[in-house]
PDB file of N, CA and C in Angstrom:
ATOM      1  N   MET A   1       0.837  -1.185   0.000  1.00  0.00           N
ATOM      2  CA  MET A   1       0.000   0.000   0.000  1.00  0.00           C
ATOM      3  C   MET A   1       0.887   1.255   0.000  1.00  0.00           C
ATOM      4  N   GLN A   2       0.483   2.282  -0.744  1.00  0.00           N
ATOM      5  CA  GLN A   2       1.272   3.502  -0.857  1.00  0.00           C
ATOM      6  C   GLN A   2       0.919   4.467   0.270  1.00  0.00           C
ATOM      7  N   GLU A   3       1.914   5.156   0.765  1.00  0.00           N
ATOM      8  CA  GLU A   3       1.691   6.196   1.759  1.00  0.00           C
ATOM      9  C   GLU A   3       1.750   7.537   1.042  1.00  0.00           C
ATOM     10  N   LEU A   4       0.680   8.294   1.111  1.00  0.00           N
ATOM     11  CA  LEU A   4       0.607   9.571   0.412  1.00  0.00           C
ATOM     12  C   LEU A   4       0.925  10.721   1.355  1.00  0.00           C
ATOM     13  N   TRP A   5       1.345  11.812   0.775  1.00  0.00           N
ATOM     14  CA  TRP A   5       1.609  13.075   1.452  1.00  0.00           C
ATOM     15  C   TRP A   5       2.763  12.992   2.445  1.00  0.00           C
ATOM     16  N   ARG A   6       3.730  12.171   2.136  1.00  0.00           N
ATOM     17  CA  ARG A   6       4.950  12.165   2.934  1.00  0.00           C
ATOM     18  C   ARG A   6       5.892  13.207   2.367  1.00  0.00           C
ATOM     19  N   PRO A   7       6.595  13.951   3.212  1.00  0.00           N
ATOM     20  CA  PRO A   7       7.483  15.010   2.704  1.00  0.00           C
ATOM     21  C   PRO A   7       8.650  14.427   1.920  1.00  0.00           C
ATOM     22  N   ILE A   8       8.979  15.117   0.820  1.00  0.00           N
ATOM     23  CA  ILE A   8      10.126  14.724   0.006  1.00  0.00           C
ATOM     24  C   ILE A   8      10.977  15.956  -0.257  1.00  0.00           C
ATOM     25  N   ASP A   9      12.165  15.744  -0.760  1.00  0.00           N
ATOM     26  CA  ASP A   9      13.088  16.827  -1.073  1.00  0.00           C
ATOM     27  C   ASP A   9      12.539  17.658  -2.239  1.00  0.00           C
ATOM     28  N   ASP A  10      12.732  18.982  -2.193  1.00  0.00           N
ATOM     29  CA  ASP A  10      12.250  19.862  -3.263  1.00  0.00           C
ATOM     30  C   ASP A  10      12.947  19.602  -4.594  1.00  0.00           C
ATOM     31  N   GLN A  11      14.160  19.101  -4.561  1.00  0.00           N
ATOM     32  CA  GLN A  11      14.924  18.856  -5.783  1.00  0.00           C
ATOM     33  C   GLN A  11      14.689  17.462  -6.365  1.00  0.00           C
ATOM     34  N   ALA A  12      13.875  16.638  -5.709  1.00  0.00           N
ATOM     35  CA  ALA A  12      13.660  15.257  -6.156  1.00  0.00           C
ATOM     36  C   ALA A  12      12.881  15.229  -7.463  1.00  0.00           C
ATOM     37  N   VAL A  13      13.354  14.433  -8.411  1.00  0.00           N
ATOM     38  CA  VAL A  13      12.674  14.279  -9.696  1.00  0.00           C
ATOM     39  C   VAL A  13      11.557  13.246  -9.579  1.00  0.00           C
ATOM     40  N   ILE A  14      11.802  12.206  -8.791  1.00  0.00           N
ATOM     41  CA  ILE A  14      10.780  11.194  -8.533  1.00  0.00           C
ATOM     42  C   ILE A  14      10.608  11.034  -7.024  1.00  0.00           C
ATOM     43  N   CYS A  15       9.452  10.600  -6.598  1.00  0.00           N
ATOM     44  CA  CYS A  15       9.171  10.384  -5.178  1.00  0.00           C
ATOM     45  C   CYS A  15       9.924   9.128  -4.715  1.00  0.00           C
ATOM     46  N   PRO A  16      10.732   9.246  -3.655  1.00  0.00           N
ATOM     47  CA  PRO A  16      11.475   8.073  -3.192  1.00  0.00           C
ATOM     48  C   PRO A  16      10.573   7.026  -2.524  1.00  0.00           C
ATOM     49  N   HIS A  17       9.361   7.412  -2.182  1.00  0.00           N
ATOM     50  CA  HIS A  17       8.461   6.499  -1.491  1.00  0.00           C
ATOM     51  C   HIS A  17       7.609   5.675  -2.460  1.00  0.00           C
ATOM     52  N   CYS A  18       7.085   6.322  -3.496  1.00  0.00           N
ATOM     53  CA  CYS A  18       6.193   5.599  -4.408  1.00  0.00           C
ATOM     54  C   CYS A  18       6.695   5.555  -5.852  1.00  0.00           C
ATOM     55  N   GLY A  19       7.697   6.365  -6.217  1.00  0.00           N
ATOM     56  CA  GLY A  19       8.258   6.322  -7.560  1.00  0.00           C
ATOM     57  C   GLY A  19       7.567   7.185  -8.597  1.00  0.00           C
ATOM     58  N   VAL A  20       6.606   8.009  -8.197  1.00  0.00           N
ATOM     59  CA  VAL A  20       5.886   8.873  -9.134  1.00  0.00           C
ATOM     60  C   VAL A  20       6.757  10.081  -9.468  1.00  0.00           C
ATOM     61  N   SER A  21       6.794  10.445 -10.747  1.00  0.00           N
ATOM     62  CA  SER A  21       7.601  11.600 -11.142  1.00  0.00           C
ATOM     63  C   SER A  21       6.941  12.881 -10.644  1.00  0.00           C
ATOM     64  N   GLN A  22       7.778  13.820 -10.250  1.00  0.00           N
ATOM     65  CA  GLN A  22       7.309  15.097  -9.711  1.00  0.00           C
ATOM     66  C   GLN A  22       7.407  16.165 -10.789  1.00  0.00           C
ATOM     67  N   THR A  23       6.368  16.967 -10.937  1.00  0.00           N
ATOM     68  CA  THR A  23       6.381  18.061 -11.906  1.00  0.00           C
ATOM     69  C   THR A  23       6.594  19.366 -11.161  1.00  0.00           C
ATOM     70  N   PRO A  24       7.458  20.218 -11.692  1.00  0.00           N
ATOM     71  CA  PRO A  24       7.678  21.507 -11.018  1.00  0.00           C
ATOM     72  C   PRO A  24       6.440  22.390 -11.159  1.00  0.00           C
ATOM     73  N   PRO A  25       6.174  23.240 -10.177  1.00  0.00           N
ATOM     74  CA  PRO A  25       5.015  24.136 -10.275  1.00  0.00           C
ATOM     75  C   PRO A  25       5.217  25.162 -11.395  1.00  0.00           C
ATOM     76  N   VAL A  26       4.153  25.510 -12.076  1.00  0.00           N
ATOM     77  CA  VAL A  26       4.186  26.462 -13.181  1.00  0.00           C
ATOM     78  C   VAL A  26       4.033  27.874 -12.618  1.00  0.00           C
ATOM     79  N   GLN A  27       4.905  28.778 -13.033  1.00  0.00           N
ATOM     80  CA  GLN A  27       4.784  30.167 -12.595  1.00  0.00           C
ATOM     81  C   GLN A  27       3.707  30.847 -13.420  1.00  0.00           C
ATOM     82  N   ASP A  28       2.732  31.404 -12.720  1.00  0.00           N
ATOM     83  CA  ASP A  28       1.619  32.081 -13.384  1.00  0.00           C
ATOM     84  C   ASP A  28       1.399  33.411 -12.686  1.00  0.00           C
ATOM     85  N   ASN A  29       2.064  34.445 -13.168  1.00  0.00           N
ATOM     86  CA  ASN A  29       1.961  35.743 -12.517  1.00  0.00           C
ATOM     87  C   ASN A  29       1.058  36.720 -13.266  1.00  0.00           C
ATOM     88  N   GLY A  30       0.624  36.396 -14.464  1.00  0.00           N
ATOM     89  CA  GLY A  30      -0.272  37.274 -15.210  1.00  0.00           C
ATOM     90  C   GLY A  30       0.329  38.628 -15.495  1.00  0.00           C
ATOM     91  N   GLY A  31       1.527  38.663 -15.994  1.00  0.00           N
ATOM     92  CA  GLY A  31       2.270  39.901 -16.181  1.00  0.00           C
ATOM     93  C   GLY A  31       1.648  40.891 -17.156  1.00  0.00           C
ATOM     94  N   PHE A  32       1.998  42.158 -16.935  1.00  0.00           N
ATOM     95  CA  PHE A  32       1.530  43.258 -17.778  1.00  0.00           C
ATOM     96  C   PHE A  32       2.052  43.127 -19.205  1.00  0.00           C
ATOM     97  N   GLY A  33       3.232  42.559 -19.359  1.00  0.00           N
ATOM     98  CA  GLY A  33       3.844  42.430 -20.687  1.00  0.00           C
ATOM     99  C   GLY A  33       3.008  41.590 -21.644  1.00  0.00           C
ATOM    100  N   TRP A  34       2.392  40.519 -21.127  1.00  0.00           N
ATOM    101  CA  TRP A  34       1.555  39.679 -21.991  1.00  0.00           C
ATOM    102  C   TRP A  34       0.293  40.427 -22.408  1.00  0.00           C
ATOM    103  N   GLY A  35      -0.242  41.258 -21.521  1.00  0.00           N
ATOM    104  CA  GLY A  35      -1.397  42.079 -21.886  1.00  0.00           C
ATOM    105  C   GLY A  35      -1.036  43.114 -22.937  1.00  0.00           C
ATOM    106  N   LEU A  36       0.136  43.700 -22.800  1.00  0.00           N
ATOM    107  CA  LEU A  36       0.603  44.674 -23.783  1.00  0.00           C
ATOM    108  C   LEU A  36       0.840  44.012 -25.135  1.00  0.00           C
ATOM    109  N   LEU A  37       1.425  42.810 -25.117  1.00  0.00           N
ATOM    110  CA  LEU A  37       1.621  42.072 -26.365  1.00  0.00           C
ATOM    111  C   LEU A  37       0.276  41.757 -27.016  1.00  0.00           C
ATOM    112  N   GLY A  38      -0.703  41.329 -26.204  1.00  0.00           N
ATOM    113  CA  GLY A  38      -2.037  41.050 -26.734  1.00  0.00           C
ATOM    114  C   GLY A  38      -2.711  42.284 -27.300  1.00  0.00           C
ATOM    115  N   CYS A  39      -2.420  43.449 -26.713  1.00  0.00           N
ATOM    116  CA  CYS A  39      -3.003  44.697 -27.215  1.00  0.00           C
ATOM    117  C   CYS A  39      -2.328  45.136 -28.513  1.00  0.00           C
ATOM    118  N   CYS A  40      -1.025  44.961 -28.603  1.00  0.00           N
ATOM    119  CA  CYS A  40      -0.309  45.372 -29.817  1.00  0.00           C
ATOM    120  C   CYS A  40      -0.571  44.430 -30.989  1.00  0.00           C
ATOM    121  N   ILE A  41      -0.661  43.139 -30.692  1.00  0.00           N
ATOM    122  CA  ILE A  41      -0.916  42.136 -31.740  1.00  0.00           C
ATOM    123  C   ILE A  41      -2.065  41.249 -31.246  1.00  0.00           C
ATOM    124  N   PRO A  42      -3.312  41.622 -31.535  1.00  0.00           N
ATOM    125  CA  PRO A  42      -4.465  40.929 -30.965  1.00  0.00           C
ATOM    126  C   PRO A  42      -4.550  39.444 -31.308  1.00  0.00           C
ATOM    127  N   ILE A  43      -4.129  39.041 -32.474  1.00  0.00           N
ATOM    128  CA  ILE A  43      -4.226  37.626 -32.837  1.00  0.00           C
ATOM    129  C   ILE A  43      -3.286  36.788 -31.964  1.00  0.00           C
ATOM    130  N   VAL A  44      -2.133  37.351 -31.612  1.00  0.00           N
ATOM    131  CA  VAL A  44      -1.206  36.650 -30.711  1.00  0.00           C
ATOM    132  C   VAL A  44      -1.817  36.541 -29.318  1.00  0.00           C
ATOM    133  N   GLY A  45      -2.475  37.605 -28.853  1.00  0.00           N
ATOM    134  CA  GLY A  45      -3.145  37.557 -27.559  1.00  0.00           C
ATOM    135  C   GLY A  45      -4.232  36.503 -27.522  1.00  0.00           C
ATOM    136  N   LEU A  46      -4.986  36.377 -28.606  1.00  0.00           N
ATOM    137  CA  LEU A  46      -6.033  35.358 -28.671  1.00  0.00           C
ATOM    138  C   LEU A  46      -5.435  33.952 -28.667  1.00  0.00           C
ATOM    139  N   VAL A  47      -4.389  33.751 -29.443  1.00  0.00           N
ATOM    140  CA  VAL A  47      -3.750  32.429 -29.486  1.00  0.00           C
ATOM    141  C   VAL A  47      -3.160  32.074 -28.121  1.00  0.00           C
ATOM    142  N   LEU A  48      -2.481  33.020 -27.481  1.00  0.00           N
ATOM    143  CA  LEU A  48      -1.919  32.759 -26.160  1.00  0.00           C
ATOM    144  C   LEU A  48      -3.011  32.468 -25.144  1.00  0.00           C
ATOM    145  N   PHE A  49      -4.130  33.162 -25.237  1.00  0.00           N
ATOM    146  CA  PHE A  49      -5.245  32.883 -24.329  1.00  0.00           C
ATOM    147  C   PHE A  49      -5.734  31.451 -24.506  1.00  0.00           C
ATOM    148  N   LEU A  50      -5.910  31.038 -25.741  1.00  0.00           N
ATOM    149  CA  LEU A  50      -6.412  29.691 -25.995  1.00  0.00           C
ATOM    150  C   LEU A  50      -5.418  28.612 -25.585  1.00  0.00           C
ATOM    151  N   VAL A  51      -4.123  28.888 -25.732  1.00  0.00           N
ATOM    152  CA  VAL A  51      -3.107  27.899 -25.377  1.00  0.00           C
ATOM    153  C   VAL A  51      -2.934  27.796 -23.862  1.00  0.00           C
ATOM    154  N   TRP A  52      -2.974  28.924 -23.159  1.00  0.00           N
ATOM    155  CA  TRP A  52      -2.657  28.953 -21.734  1.00  0.00           C
ATOM    156  C   TRP A  52      -3.865  28.935 -20.811  1.00  0.00           C
ATOM    157  N   LYS A  53      -5.084  28.873 -21.321  1.00  0.00           N
ATOM    158  CA  LYS A  53      -6.248  29.029 -20.452  1.00  0.00           C
ATOM    159  C   LYS A  53      -6.362  27.943 -19.386  1.00  0.00           C
ATOM    160  N   ASP A  54      -5.804  26.758 -19.599  1.00  0.00           N
ATOM    161  CA  ASP A  54      -5.878  25.688 -18.608  1.00  0.00           C
ATOM    162  C   ASP A  54      -4.634  25.609 -17.724  1.00  0.00           C
ATOM    163  N   THR A  55      -3.463  25.911 -18.285  1.00  0.00           N
ATOM    164  CA  THR A  55      -2.227  25.759 -17.523  1.00  0.00           C
ATOM    165  C   THR A  55      -1.801  27.033 -16.809  1.00  0.00           C
ATOM    166  N   LYS A  56      -2.021  28.189 -17.423  1.00  0.00           N
ATOM    167  CA  LYS A  56      -1.651  29.483 -16.832  1.00  0.00           C
ATOM    168  C   LYS A  56      -2.844  30.430 -16.939  1.00  0.00           C
ATOM    169  N   PRO A  57      -3.849  30.295 -16.090  1.00  0.00           N
ATOM    170  CA  PRO A  57      -5.060  31.100 -16.258  1.00  0.00           C
ATOM    171  C   PRO A  57      -4.858  32.610 -16.078  1.00  0.00           C
ATOM    172  N   LYS A  58      -3.986  33.038 -15.162  1.00  0.00           N
ATOM    173  CA  LYS A  58      -3.778  34.478 -14.967  1.00  0.00           C
ATOM    174  C   LYS A  58      -3.081  35.113 -16.168  1.00  0.00           C
ATOM    175  N   THR A  59      -2.065  34.448 -16.681  1.00  0.00           N
ATOM    176  CA  THR A  59      -1.343  34.959 -17.843  1.00  0.00           C
ATOM    177  C   THR A  59      -2.235  34.924 -19.081  1.00  0.00           C
ATOM    178  N   ALA A  60      -3.040  33.870 -19.218  1.00  0.00           N
ATOM    179  CA  ALA A  60      -3.972  33.776 -20.345  1.00  0.00           C
ATOM    180  C   ALA A  60      -4.989  34.907 -20.291  1.00  0.00           C
ATOM    181  N   LYS A  61      -5.467  35.212 -19.096  1.00  0.00           N
ATOM    182  CA  LYS A  61      -6.439  36.301 -18.962  1.00  0.00           C
ATOM    183  C   LYS A  61      -5.816  37.635 -19.339  1.00  0.00           C
ATOM    184  N   ALA A  62      -4.569  37.874 -18.935  1.00  0.00           N
ATOM    185  CA  ALA A  62      -3.890  39.124 -19.282  1.00  0.00           C
ATOM    186  C   ALA A  62      -3.750  39.270 -20.792  1.00  0.00           C
ATOM    187  N   ALA A  63      -3.339  38.210 -21.471  1.00  0.00           N
ATOM    188  CA  ALA A  63      -3.186  38.268 -22.929  1.00  0.00           C
ATOM    189  C   ALA A  63      -4.540  38.424 -23.620  1.00  0.00           C
ATOM    190  N   GLY A  64      -5.558  37.722 -23.121  1.00  0.00           N
ATOM    191  CA  GLY A  64      -6.890  37.827 -23.710  1.00  0.00           C
ATOM    192  C   GLY A  64      -7.513  39.195 -23.513  1.00  0.00           C
ATOM    193  N   VAL A  65      -7.354  39.774 -22.328  1.00  0.00           N
ATOM    194  CA  VAL A  65      -7.886  41.112 -22.074  1.00  0.00           C
ATOM    195  C   VAL A  65      -7.168  42.139 -22.946  1.00  0.00           C
ATOM    196  N   GLY A  66      -5.873  41.987 -23.114  1.00  0.00           N
ATOM    197  CA  GLY A  66      -5.135  42.899 -23.998  1.00  0.00           C
ATOM    198  C   GLY A  66      -5.654  42.852 -25.417  1.00  0.00           C
ATOM    199  N   ALA A  67      -5.917  41.648 -25.920  1.00  0.00           N
ATOM    200  CA  ALA A  67      -6.458  41.516 -27.274  1.00  0.00           C
ATOM    201  C   ALA A  67      -7.863  42.104 -27.357  1.00  0.00           C
ATOM    202  N   LEU A  68      -8.663  41.883 -26.333  1.00  0.00           N
ATOM    203  CA  LEU A  68     -10.029  42.410 -26.322  1.00  0.00           C
ATOM    204  C   LEU A  68     -10.048  43.932 -26.274  1.00  0.00           C
ATOM    205  N   VAL A  69      -9.152  44.516 -25.496  1.00  0.00           N
ATOM    206  CA  VAL A  69      -9.057  45.973 -25.422  1.00  0.00           C
ATOM    207  C   VAL A  69      -8.704  46.551 -26.785  1.00  0.00           C
ATOM    208  N   CYS A  70      -7.777  45.934 -27.483  1.00  0.00           N
ATOM    209  CA  CYS A  70      -7.376  46.416 -28.799  1.00  0.00           C
ATOM    210  C   CYS A  70      -8.530  46.345 -29.795  1.00  0.00           C
ATOM    211  N   VAL A  71      -9.248  45.242 -29.792  1.00  0.00           N
ATOM    212  CA  VAL A  71     -10.384  45.087 -30.713  1.00  0.00           C
ATOM    213  C   VAL A  71     -11.467  46.118 -30.405  1.00  0.00           C
ATOM    214  N   CYS A  72     -11.735  46.358 -29.124  1.00  0.00           N
ATOM    215  CA  CYS A  72     -12.740  47.358 -28.746  1.00  0.00           C
ATOM    216  C   CYS A  72     -12.306  48.770 -29.147  1.00  0.00           C
ATOM    217  N   LEU A  73     -11.019  49.073 -28.991  1.00  0.00           N
ATOM    218  CA  LEU A  73     -10.528  50.397 -29.396  1.00  0.00           C
ATOM    219  C   LEU A  73     -10.640  50.600 -30.907  1.00  0.00           C
ATOM    220  N   TYR A  74     -10.327  49.549 -31.676  1.00  0.00           N
ATOM    221  CA  TYR A  74     -10.475  49.658 -33.132  1.00  0.00           C
ATOM    222  C   TYR A  74     -11.936  49.831 -33.522  1.00  0.00           C
ATOM    223  N   ALA A  75     -12.840  49.128 -32.869  1.00  0.00           N
ATOM    224  CA  ALA A  75     -14.264  49.266 -33.167  1.00  0.00           C
ATOM    225  C   ALA A  75     -14.739  50.680 -32.833  1.00  0.00           C
ATOM    226  N   LEU A  76     -14.288  51.224 -31.712  1.00  0.00           N
ATOM    227  CA  LEU A  76     -14.654  52.587 -31.340  1.00  0.00           C
ATOM    228  C   LEU A  76     -14.085  53.595 -32.332  1.00  0.00           C
ATOM    229  N   LEU A  77     -12.869  53.376 -32.788  1.00  0.00           N
ATOM    230  CA  LEU A  77     -12.261  54.265 -33.780  1.00  0.00           C
ATOM    231  C   LEU A  77     -13.058  54.252 -35.087  1.00  0.00           C
ATOM    232  N   TYR A  78     -13.421  53.054 -35.567  1.00  0.00           N
ATOM    233  CA  TYR A  78     -14.201  52.964 -36.797  1.00  0.00           C
ATOM    234  C   TYR A  78     -15.566  53.608 -36.640  1.00  0.00           C
ATOM    235  N   LEU A  79     -16.179  53.457 -35.469  1.00  0.00           N
ATOM    236  CA  LEU A  79     -17.482  54.074 -35.228  1.00  0.00           C
ATOM    237  C   LEU A  79     -17.373  55.593 -35.243  1.00  0.00           C
ATOM    238  N   CYS A  80     -16.318  56.133 -34.635  1.00  0.00           N
ATOM    239  CA  CYS A  80     -16.121  57.588 -34.639  1.00  0.00           C
ATOM    240  C   CYS A  80     -15.879  58.111 -36.047  1.00  0.00           C
ATOM    241  N   VAL A  81     -15.052  57.436 -36.812  1.00  0.00           N
ATOM    242  CA  VAL A  81     -14.769  57.864 -38.188  1.00  0.00           C
ATOM    243  C   VAL A  81     -16.036  57.786 -39.035  1.00  0.00           C
ATOM    244  N   PHE A  82     -16.813  56.737 -38.884  1.00  0.00           N
ATOM    245  CA  PHE A  82     -18.067  56.585 -39.630  1.00  0.00           C
ATOM    246  C   PHE A  82     -19.047  57.696 -39.268  1.00  0.00           C
ATOM    247  N   THR A  83     -19.164  58.014 -37.972  1.00  0.00           N
ATOM    248  CA  THR A  83     -20.073  59.067 -37.526  1.00  0.00           C
ATOM    249  C   THR A  83     -19.642  60.422 -38.054  1.00  0.00           C
ATOM    250  N   MET A  84     -18.347  60.693 -38.034  1.00  0.00           N
ATOM    251  CA  MET A  84     -17.872  61.971 -38.566  1.00  0.00           C
ATOM    252  C   MET A  84     -18.100  62.054 -40.072  1.00  0.00           C
ATOM    253  N   GLY A  85     -17.957  60.953 -40.768  1.00  0.00           N
ATOM    254  CA  GLY A  85     -18.195  60.953 -42.211  1.00  0.00           C
ATOM    255  C   GLY A  85     -19.652  61.202 -42.552  1.00  0.00           C
ATOM    256  N   ILE A  86     -20.548  60.565 -41.814  1.00  0.00           N
ATOM    257  CA  ILE A  86     -21.985  60.777 -42.054  1.00  0.00           C
ATOM    258  C   ILE A  86     -22.377  62.211 -41.718  1.00  0.00           C
ATOM    259  N   SER A  87     -21.872  62.726 -40.614  1.00  0.00           N
ATOM    260  CA  SER A  87     -22.234  64.105 -40.226  1.00  0.00           C
ATOM    261  C   SER A  87     -21.625  65.121 -41.204  1.00  0.00           C
ATOM    262  N   ALA A  88     -20.445  64.874 -41.718  1.00  0.00           N
ATOM    263  CA  ALA A  88     -19.846  65.780 -42.698  1.00  0.00           C
ATOM    264  C   ALA A  88     -20.630  65.742 -44.009  1.00  0.00           C
ATOM    265  N   TYR A  89     -21.115  64.574 -44.393  1.00  0.00           N
ATOM    266  CA  TYR A  89     -21.906  64.461 -45.609  1.00  0.00           C
ATOM    267  C   TYR A  89     -23.248  65.168 -45.457  1.00  0.00           C
ATOM    268  N   ALA A  90     -23.843  65.078 -44.270  1.00  0.00           N
ATOM    269  CA  ALA A  90     -25.136  65.725 -44.020  1.00  0.00           C
ATOM    270  C   ALA A  90     -25.005  67.239 -43.997  1.00  0.00           C
ATOM    271  N   LEU A  91     -23.877  67.755 -43.596  1.00  0.00           N
ATOM    272  CA  LEU A  91     -23.672  69.194 -43.524  1.00  0.00           C
ATOM    273  C   LEU A  91     -23.128  69.779 -44.828  1.00  0.00           C
ATOM    274  N   TRP A  92     -22.800  68.949 -45.795  1.00  0.00           N
ATOM    275  CA  TRP A  92     -22.244  69.431 -47.055  1.00  0.00           C
ATOM    276  C   TRP A  92     -23.327  70.193 -47.817  1.00  0.00           C
ATOM    277  N   PRO A  93     -23.025  71.410 -48.290  1.00  0.00           N
ATOM    278  CA  PRO A  93     -24.055  72.221 -48.978  1.00  0.00           C
ATOM    279  C   PRO A  93     -24.421  71.719 -50.352  1.00  0.00           C
TER     280      PRO A  93
END
């Protein structure tokens, strides 16, 4: 019978008690840089969100929010340009 939750060395690759391989913890800090990358290149932010959503949820959210912010800003820009064009056409003598 296996004994679970016995302390092992932090540097151990396999558990000396049961032989199961140990995986190092994944760093997930959700950095600002990934959000900025997602904002500058929205397709990269979307791809990173889809790739990391299960393994690095904070970082995936940062990249996804950056891409979403960029898409919303472009939509707002197009709406403003369209509105100014329609209003300029309506005021043309």
